[in-house]
Amino acid sequence: MSDMQIVVFDLINELCGVEADQVHEIVKYQEITKVPEMPGFIEGIINLRGHVVPIINLNRRFHLGQADADKSTKIIITSIEGQQVGFVVDNVIEIVRLSQEDTEETPDLIKKWGRKYVKYVAKIKGKLVNILDLASILTEEEMEHISSI
């Protein structure tokens, strides 16, 4: 693994990150249209320049609780299997460059619990940050469900 850029964000006082190449764009939080009978972590959909984009609330997905949206709340837009998907985060903190020495493999205990979306753990400014794989956060069944929205 060579140097990489990481987008660091906050989820109810937990720092997480994602490799910058997974991020298509970061947009301000906007009004989200609810869709009936969706799981609680799927907030609904937005219209992003003419495209309907399903929105996932990462705080709810990870059972961290609910934070009220404010001016720092952002939506990270990515593409999963050709489908644009947005992930609500409390705040995008910074974009940092990491070297291999700044990262470690995900501990086996985390892997055993099926947390495949935690790619590795990074040490950023003295803090541990879970680096996520946005494409692995949703199960195949969940992806099929939101693809039909």
N, C-alpha and C. Protein backbone atom coordinates (compact mmCIF):
# COMPACT_ATOMS: atom_id res chain seq x y z
N MET A 1 0.85 -1.17 0.00
CA MET A 1 0.00 0.00 0.00
C MET A 1 0.90 1.24 0.00
N SER A 2 0.64 2.13 -0.92
CA SER A 2 1.41 3.36 -0.99
C SER A 2 0.66 4.48 -0.28
N ASP A 3 1.21 5.69 -0.36
CA ASP A 3 0.53 6.83 0.24
C ASP A 3 -0.87 6.96 -0.33
N MET A 4 -1.79 7.42 0.50
CA MET A 4 -3.18 7.59 0.07
C MET A 4 -3.77 8.80 0.75
N GLN A 5 -4.82 9.34 0.15
CA GLN A 5 -5.54 10.44 0.76
C GLN A 5 -6.80 9.87 1.41
N ILE A 6 -7.08 10.37 2.60
CA ILE A 6 -8.23 9.92 3.37
C ILE A 6 -9.12 11.12 3.69
N VAL A 7 -10.42 10.96 3.46
CA VAL A 7 -11.40 11.95 3.89
C VAL A 7 -11.82 11.55 5.30
N VAL A 8 -11.52 12.40 6.27
CA VAL A 8 -11.83 12.12 7.68
C VAL A 8 -13.13 12.83 8.05
N PHE A 9 -14.03 12.07 8.71
CA PHE A 9 -15.31 12.65 9.10
C PHE A 9 -15.70 12.20 10.49
N ASP A 10 -16.68 12.89 11.03
CA ASP A 10 -17.14 12.67 12.40
C ASP A 10 -18.51 12.00 12.38
N LEU A 11 -18.68 10.99 13.22
CA LEU A 11 -19.97 10.34 13.45
C LEU A 11 -20.21 10.33 14.95
N ILE A 12 -21.04 11.20 15.45
CA ILE A 12 -21.31 11.30 16.89
C ILE A 12 -20.03 11.08 17.70
N ASN A 13 -19.08 11.95 17.48
CA ASN A 13 -17.80 11.98 18.20
C ASN A 13 -16.89 10.78 17.94
N GLU A 14 -17.16 10.02 16.91
CA GLU A 14 -16.26 8.95 16.48
C GLU A 14 -15.65 9.37 15.16
N LEU A 15 -14.32 9.35 15.07
CA LEU A 15 -13.67 9.69 13.82
C LEU A 15 -13.61 8.46 12.92
N CYS A 16 -13.98 8.67 11.68
CA CYS A 16 -13.88 7.63 10.66
C CYS A 16 -13.29 8.27 9.42
N GLY A 17 -12.96 7.44 8.48
CA GLY A 17 -12.42 7.96 7.23
C GLY A 17 -12.73 7.02 6.09
N VAL A 18 -12.49 7.53 4.90
CA VAL A 18 -12.68 6.75 3.69
C VAL A 18 -11.62 7.21 2.69
N GLU A 19 -11.13 6.28 1.89
CA GLU A 19 -10.15 6.65 0.89
C GLU A 19 -10.79 7.64 -0.09
N ALA A 20 -10.05 8.70 -0.40
CA ALA A 20 -10.60 9.78 -1.22
C ALA A 20 -11.05 9.30 -2.59
N ASP A 21 -10.45 8.24 -3.12
CA ASP A 21 -10.86 7.78 -4.44
C ASP A 21 -12.25 7.14 -4.45
N GLN A 22 -12.82 6.87 -3.27
CA GLN A 22 -14.20 6.38 -3.18
C GLN A 22 -15.21 7.54 -3.16
N VAL A 23 -14.73 8.74 -2.94
CA VAL A 23 -15.62 9.89 -2.78
C VAL A 23 -15.75 10.63 -4.12
N HIS A 24 -16.96 10.66 -4.65
CA HIS A 24 -17.20 11.42 -5.89
C HIS A 24 -17.33 12.89 -5.58
N GLU A 25 -18.06 13.20 -4.52
CA GLU A 25 -18.20 14.59 -4.08
C GLU A 25 -18.76 14.61 -2.67
N ILE A 26 -18.64 15.79 -2.04
CA ILE A 26 -19.21 16.02 -0.72
C ILE A 26 -20.16 17.20 -0.88
N VAL A 27 -21.43 16.99 -0.49
CA VAL A 27 -22.44 18.05 -0.65
C VAL A 27 -23.02 18.42 0.70
N LYS A 28 -23.55 19.64 0.76
CA LYS A 28 -24.24 20.08 1.97
C LYS A 28 -25.48 19.22 2.20
N TYR A 29 -25.81 19.05 3.46
CA TYR A 29 -27.04 18.34 3.80
C TYR A 29 -28.20 19.13 3.24
N GLN A 30 -29.16 18.44 2.67
CA GLN A 30 -30.33 19.09 2.09
C GLN A 30 -31.57 18.30 2.45
N GLU A 31 -32.70 18.84 2.08
CA GLU A 31 -33.97 18.17 2.38
C GLU A 31 -33.98 16.79 1.73
N ILE A 32 -34.35 15.81 2.54
CA ILE A 32 -34.38 14.42 2.08
C ILE A 32 -35.84 13.97 2.03
N THR A 33 -36.23 13.41 0.90
CA THR A 33 -37.58 12.90 0.72
C THR A 33 -37.65 11.49 1.30
N LYS A 34 -38.57 11.27 2.22
CA LYS A 34 -38.74 9.96 2.84
C LYS A 34 -39.35 8.98 1.83
N VAL A 35 -38.97 7.72 1.94
CA VAL A 35 -39.52 6.65 1.12
C VAL A 35 -40.16 5.65 2.07
N PRO A 36 -41.44 5.32 1.86
CA PRO A 36 -42.13 4.41 2.79
C PRO A 36 -41.45 3.04 2.88
N GLU A 37 -41.54 2.46 4.06
CA GLU A 37 -41.13 1.10 4.36
C GLU A 37 -39.65 0.82 4.11
N MET A 38 -38.82 1.82 4.36
CA MET A 38 -37.37 1.64 4.26
C MET A 38 -36.82 1.33 5.65
N PRO A 39 -35.70 0.62 5.71
CA PRO A 39 -35.05 0.42 7.01
C PRO A 39 -34.70 1.77 7.63
N GLY A 40 -34.62 1.84 8.94
CA GLY A 40 -34.40 3.09 9.65
C GLY A 40 -33.14 3.84 9.27
N PHE A 41 -32.11 3.14 8.81
CA PHE A 41 -30.87 3.82 8.46
C PHE A 41 -30.90 4.44 7.06
N ILE A 42 -31.92 4.12 6.28
CA ILE A 42 -32.07 4.75 4.97
C ILE A 42 -32.98 5.96 5.16
N GLU A 43 -32.39 7.16 5.08
CA GLU A 43 -33.16 8.38 5.34
C GLU A 43 -34.15 8.67 4.24
N GLY A 44 -33.82 8.29 3.01
CA GLY A 44 -34.70 8.57 1.89
C GLY A 44 -33.89 8.84 0.65
N ILE A 45 -34.35 9.82 -0.15
CA ILE A 45 -33.69 10.13 -1.42
C ILE A 45 -33.55 11.64 -1.59
N ILE A 46 -32.56 12.03 -2.40
CA ILE A 46 -32.42 13.43 -2.80
C ILE A 46 -32.33 13.49 -4.32
N ASN A 47 -32.57 14.68 -4.84
CA ASN A 47 -32.37 14.95 -6.25
C ASN A 47 -31.03 15.67 -6.37
N LEU A 48 -30.06 15.00 -6.95
CA LEU A 48 -28.73 15.59 -7.11
C LEU A 48 -28.50 15.83 -8.60
N ARG A 49 -28.72 17.06 -9.01
CA ARG A 49 -28.57 17.45 -10.41
C ARG A 49 -29.30 16.50 -11.36
N GLY A 50 -30.55 16.21 -11.03
CA GLY A 50 -31.39 15.39 -11.90
C GLY A 50 -31.32 13.90 -11.66
N HIS A 51 -30.48 13.46 -10.73
CA HIS A 51 -30.37 12.03 -10.41
C HIS A 51 -30.94 11.77 -9.03
N VAL A 52 -31.74 10.72 -8.91
CA VAL A 52 -32.28 10.31 -7.62
C VAL A 52 -31.20 9.50 -6.90
N VAL A 53 -30.84 9.97 -5.69
CA VAL A 53 -29.76 9.33 -4.94
C VAL A 53 -30.29 8.88 -3.58
N PRO A 54 -30.22 7.57 -3.28
CA PRO A 54 -30.60 7.09 -1.94
C PRO A 54 -29.59 7.58 -0.90
N ILE A 55 -30.10 7.91 0.29
CA ILE A 55 -29.26 8.47 1.35
C ILE A 55 -29.26 7.56 2.57
N ILE A 56 -28.06 7.17 2.99
CA ILE A 56 -27.85 6.29 4.14
C ILE A 56 -27.30 7.14 5.29
N ASN A 57 -27.90 7.00 6.47
CA ASN A 57 -27.42 7.70 7.65
C ASN A 57 -26.44 6.77 8.37
N LEU A 58 -25.15 7.12 8.36
CA LEU A 58 -24.14 6.24 8.95
C LEU A 58 -24.27 6.12 10.47
N ASN A 59 -24.72 7.18 11.15
CA ASN A 59 -24.92 7.07 12.60
C ASN A 59 -25.94 5.97 12.91
N ARG A 60 -27.04 5.97 12.17
CA ARG A 60 -28.07 4.94 12.40
C ARG A 60 -27.59 3.57 11.92
N ARG A 61 -26.88 3.53 10.81
CA ARG A 61 -26.40 2.26 10.27
C ARG A 61 -25.50 1.56 11.27
N PHE A 62 -24.66 2.35 11.96
CA PHE A 62 -23.71 1.79 12.91
C PHE A 62 -24.25 1.80 14.34
N HIS A 63 -25.55 2.11 14.52
CA HIS A 63 -26.20 2.12 15.82
C HIS A 63 -25.50 3.04 16.82
N LEU A 64 -25.09 4.21 16.33
CA LEU A 64 -24.42 5.20 17.19
C LEU A 64 -25.39 6.20 17.79
N GLY A 65 -26.62 6.19 17.34
CA GLY A 65 -27.61 7.16 17.80
C GLY A 65 -28.00 8.09 16.67
N GLN A 66 -28.65 9.17 17.03
CA GLN A 66 -29.12 10.13 16.04
C GLN A 66 -28.62 11.52 16.38
N ALA A 67 -27.97 12.15 15.44
CA ALA A 67 -27.54 13.53 15.60
C ALA A 67 -28.43 14.40 14.71
N ASP A 68 -28.85 15.54 15.23
CA ASP A 68 -29.65 16.46 14.43
C ASP A 68 -28.78 17.07 13.35
N ALA A 69 -29.34 17.18 12.15
CA ALA A 69 -28.61 17.80 11.05
C ALA A 69 -28.44 19.29 11.33
N ASP A 70 -27.25 19.80 11.04
CA ASP A 70 -26.99 21.23 11.19
C ASP A 70 -26.11 21.68 10.04
N LYS A 71 -25.56 22.88 10.14
CA LYS A 71 -24.79 23.43 9.02
C LYS A 71 -23.51 22.65 8.72
N SER A 72 -23.02 21.85 9.66
CA SER A 72 -21.81 21.07 9.41
C SER A 72 -22.10 19.67 8.85
N THR A 73 -23.36 19.25 8.85
CA THR A 73 -23.73 17.94 8.35
C THR A 73 -23.50 17.88 6.84
N LYS A 74 -22.90 16.80 6.38
CA LYS A 74 -22.57 16.64 4.96
C LYS A 74 -23.07 15.29 4.45
N ILE A 75 -23.15 15.21 3.13
CA ILE A 75 -23.48 13.95 2.46
C ILE A 75 -22.30 13.60 1.56
N ILE A 76 -21.71 12.43 1.80
CA ILE A 76 -20.61 11.95 0.96
C ILE A 76 -21.24 11.10 -0.14
N ILE A 77 -21.00 11.50 -1.39
CA ILE A 77 -21.57 10.80 -2.54
C ILE A 77 -20.51 9.86 -3.11
N THR A 78 -20.92 8.61 -3.34
CA THR A 78 -20.05 7.61 -3.94
C THR A 78 -20.86 6.82 -4.95
N SER A 79 -20.21 5.89 -5.61
CA SER A 79 -20.89 5.01 -6.55
C SER A 79 -20.61 3.57 -6.13
N ILE A 80 -21.69 2.81 -5.98
CA ILE A 80 -21.57 1.40 -5.61
C ILE A 80 -22.30 0.60 -6.68
N GLU A 81 -21.57 -0.27 -7.35
CA GLU A 81 -22.13 -1.09 -8.43
C GLU A 81 -22.90 -0.24 -9.43
N GLY A 82 -22.34 0.91 -9.78
CA GLY A 82 -22.96 1.80 -10.77
C GLY A 82 -24.09 2.65 -10.24
N GLN A 83 -24.43 2.53 -8.97
CA GLN A 83 -25.53 3.28 -8.35
C GLN A 83 -24.94 4.37 -7.46
N GLN A 84 -25.34 5.62 -7.68
CA GLN A 84 -24.91 6.68 -6.77
C GLN A 84 -25.61 6.49 -5.44
N VAL A 85 -24.85 6.64 -4.35
CA VAL A 85 -25.37 6.50 -3.00
C VAL A 85 -24.76 7.61 -2.16
N GLY A 86 -25.55 8.20 -1.27
CA GLY A 86 -25.07 9.22 -0.37
C GLY A 86 -25.03 8.72 1.06
N PHE A 87 -24.00 9.12 1.80
CA PHE A 87 -23.85 8.74 3.20
C PHE A 87 -23.80 10.01 4.04
N VAL A 88 -24.75 10.14 4.97
CA VAL A 88 -24.80 11.30 5.85
C VAL A 88 -23.77 11.14 6.95
N VAL A 89 -22.95 12.19 7.13
CA VAL A 89 -21.97 12.24 8.22
C VAL A 89 -22.17 13.56 8.97
N ASP A 90 -21.76 13.59 10.23
CA ASP A 90 -21.96 14.79 11.05
C ASP A 90 -21.12 15.96 10.57
N ASN A 91 -19.90 15.66 10.12
CA ASN A 91 -19.02 16.73 9.68
C ASN A 91 -17.83 16.12 8.95
N VAL A 92 -17.42 16.72 7.85
CA VAL A 92 -16.18 16.33 7.21
C VAL A 92 -15.09 17.20 7.82
N ILE A 93 -14.13 16.57 8.45
CA ILE A 93 -13.10 17.27 9.22
C ILE A 93 -11.96 17.76 8.32
N GLU A 94 -11.37 16.83 7.56
CA GLU A 94 -10.22 17.18 6.74
C GLU A 94 -9.92 16.06 5.76
N ILE A 95 -9.01 16.36 4.85
CA ILE A 95 -8.46 15.36 3.94
C ILE A 95 -6.98 15.27 4.28
N VAL A 96 -6.52 14.06 4.59
CA VAL A 96 -5.13 13.87 5.00
C VAL A 96 -4.46 12.85 4.10
N ARG A 97 -3.16 12.97 4.02
CA ARG A 97 -2.35 11.98 3.29
C ARG A 97 -1.71 11.06 4.33
N LEU A 98 -1.87 9.76 4.10
CA LEU A 98 -1.30 8.76 5.01
C LEU A 98 -0.30 7.89 4.28
N SER A 99 0.70 7.45 5.02
CA SER A 99 1.65 6.48 4.49
C SER A 99 1.31 5.12 5.09
N GLN A 100 1.95 4.09 4.60
CA GLN A 100 1.71 2.74 5.09
C GLN A 100 2.01 2.64 6.59
N GLU A 101 2.98 3.39 7.07
CA GLU A 101 3.34 3.34 8.49
C GLU A 101 2.23 3.90 9.39
N ASP A 102 1.32 4.67 8.81
CA ASP A 102 0.23 5.27 9.58
C ASP A 102 -0.98 4.35 9.72
N THR A 103 -0.92 3.17 9.11
CA THR A 103 -2.09 2.28 9.11
C THR A 103 -1.74 0.90 9.64
N GLU A 104 -2.78 0.22 10.13
CA GLU A 104 -2.65 -1.17 10.58
C GLU A 104 -3.85 -1.96 10.11
N GLU A 105 -3.66 -3.26 9.95
CA GLU A 105 -4.76 -4.14 9.58
C GLU A 105 -5.87 -4.06 10.62
N THR A 106 -7.08 -4.29 10.19
CA THR A 106 -8.20 -4.35 11.11
C THR A 106 -7.98 -5.53 12.06
N PRO A 107 -8.14 -5.32 13.37
CA PRO A 107 -7.95 -6.42 14.32
C PRO A 107 -8.88 -7.60 14.01
N ASP A 108 -8.39 -8.82 14.25
CA ASP A 108 -9.15 -10.03 13.96
C ASP A 108 -10.51 -10.05 14.65
N LEU A 109 -10.58 -9.54 15.87
CA LEU A 109 -11.85 -9.53 16.60
C LEU A 109 -12.92 -8.77 15.81
N ILE A 110 -12.54 -7.66 15.21
CA ILE A 110 -13.49 -6.86 14.42
C ILE A 110 -13.90 -7.65 13.18
N LYS A 111 -12.94 -8.27 12.51
CA LYS A 111 -13.24 -9.06 11.31
C LYS A 111 -14.18 -10.22 11.63
N LYS A 112 -13.96 -10.87 12.78
CA LYS A 112 -14.78 -12.02 13.16
C LYS A 112 -16.23 -11.63 13.38
N TRP A 113 -16.49 -10.39 13.75
CA TRP A 113 -17.86 -9.93 13.95
C TRP A 113 -18.50 -9.51 12.63
N GLY A 114 -17.83 -9.78 11.52
CA GLY A 114 -18.40 -9.51 10.21
C GLY A 114 -18.33 -8.06 9.79
N ARG A 115 -17.47 -7.29 10.39
CA ARG A 115 -17.34 -5.87 10.06
C ARG A 115 -16.36 -5.70 8.90
N LYS A 116 -16.75 -6.22 7.74
CA LYS A 116 -15.89 -6.19 6.57
C LYS A 116 -15.71 -4.79 6.02
N TYR A 117 -16.57 -3.87 6.41
CA TYR A 117 -16.47 -2.51 5.90
C TYR A 117 -15.37 -1.70 6.58
N VAL A 118 -14.79 -2.21 7.67
CA VAL A 118 -13.63 -1.54 8.28
C VAL A 118 -12.39 -2.12 7.60
N LYS A 119 -11.81 -1.34 6.67
CA LYS A 119 -10.67 -1.83 5.89
C LYS A 119 -9.40 -1.91 6.72
N TYR A 120 -9.15 -0.86 7.48
CA TYR A 120 -7.98 -0.82 8.35
C TYR A 120 -8.14 0.32 9.34
N VAL A 121 -7.19 0.42 10.24
CA VAL A 121 -7.21 1.45 11.27
C VAL A 121 -6.01 2.36 11.01
N ALA A 122 -6.26 3.66 11.04
CA ALA A 122 -5.18 4.63 10.82
C ALA A 122 -4.91 5.40 12.09
N LYS A 123 -3.67 5.85 12.22
CA LYS A 123 -3.30 6.72 13.32
C LYS A 123 -3.13 8.12 12.74
N ILE A 124 -4.05 9.01 13.11
CA ILE A 124 -4.03 10.38 12.59
C ILE A 124 -3.98 11.35 13.77
N LYS A 125 -2.90 12.09 13.86
CA LYS A 125 -2.72 13.07 14.93
C LYS A 125 -2.96 12.47 16.31
N GLY A 126 -2.43 11.28 16.52
CA GLY A 126 -2.52 10.62 17.81
C GLY A 126 -3.85 9.93 18.10
N LYS A 127 -4.76 9.92 17.14
CA LYS A 127 -6.06 9.27 17.34
C LYS A 127 -6.21 8.11 16.39
N LEU A 128 -6.95 7.07 16.82
CA LEU A 128 -7.25 5.95 15.95
C LEU A 128 -8.51 6.27 15.15
N VAL A 129 -8.43 6.00 13.85
CA VAL A 129 -9.53 6.30 12.94
C VAL A 129 -9.83 5.05 12.13
N ASN A 130 -11.09 4.58 12.17
CA ASN A 130 -11.50 3.45 11.35
C ASN A 130 -11.64 3.92 9.92
N ILE A 131 -10.93 3.28 9.00
CA ILE A 131 -11.03 3.60 7.59
C ILE A 131 -12.02 2.61 6.97
N LEU A 132 -13.11 3.15 6.43
CA LEU A 132 -14.22 2.35 5.95
C LEU A 132 -14.15 2.13 4.44
N ASP A 133 -14.76 1.05 4.01
CA ASP A 133 -14.98 0.79 2.60
C ASP A 133 -16.47 1.02 2.35
N LEU A 134 -16.81 2.16 1.74
CA LEU A 134 -18.22 2.51 1.54
C LEU A 134 -18.96 1.46 0.74
N ALA A 135 -18.28 0.77 -0.16
CA ALA A 135 -18.94 -0.24 -0.99
C ALA A 135 -19.33 -1.48 -0.19
N SER A 136 -18.80 -1.65 1.02
CA SER A 136 -19.09 -2.84 1.83
C SER A 136 -20.05 -2.57 2.99
N ILE A 137 -20.50 -1.34 3.13
CA ILE A 137 -21.36 -1.00 4.26
C ILE A 137 -22.74 -1.63 4.13
N LEU A 138 -23.24 -1.70 2.91
CA LEU A 138 -24.55 -2.29 2.67
C LEU A 138 -24.39 -3.74 2.21
N THR A 139 -25.33 -4.59 2.63
CA THR A 139 -25.32 -5.98 2.18
C THR A 139 -25.81 -6.03 0.73
N GLU A 140 -25.63 -7.16 0.08
CA GLU A 140 -26.12 -7.31 -1.30
C GLU A 140 -27.63 -7.10 -1.35
N GLU A 141 -28.33 -7.65 -0.37
CA GLU A 141 -29.80 -7.50 -0.32
C GLU A 141 -30.20 -6.03 -0.16
N GLU A 142 -29.49 -5.31 0.68
CA GLU A 142 -29.78 -3.88 0.87
C GLU A 142 -29.50 -3.10 -0.41
N MET A 143 -28.42 -3.44 -1.10
CA MET A 143 -28.10 -2.77 -2.36
C MET A 143 -29.18 -3.03 -3.40
N GLU A 144 -29.68 -4.27 -3.47
CA GLU A 144 -30.77 -4.57 -4.40
C GLU A 144 -31.99 -3.73 -4.05
N HIS A 145 -32.25 -3.59 -2.76
CA HIS A 145 -33.42 -2.84 -2.29
C HIS A 145 -33.31 -1.36 -2.70
N ILE A 146 -32.17 -0.75 -2.49
CA ILE A 146 -32.07 0.68 -2.82
C ILE A 146 -31.93 0.90 -4.31
N SER A 147 -31.45 -0.10 -5.04
CA SER A 147 -31.37 0.03 -6.50
C SER A 147 -32.75 0.11 -7.12
N SER A 148 -33.75 -0.42 -6.40
CA SER A 148 -35.11 -0.40 -6.93
C SER A 148 -35.87 0.86 -6.58
N ILE A 149 -35.22 1.77 -5.84
CA ILE A 149 -35.88 3.03 -5.46
C ILE A 149 -35.99 3.93 -6.68
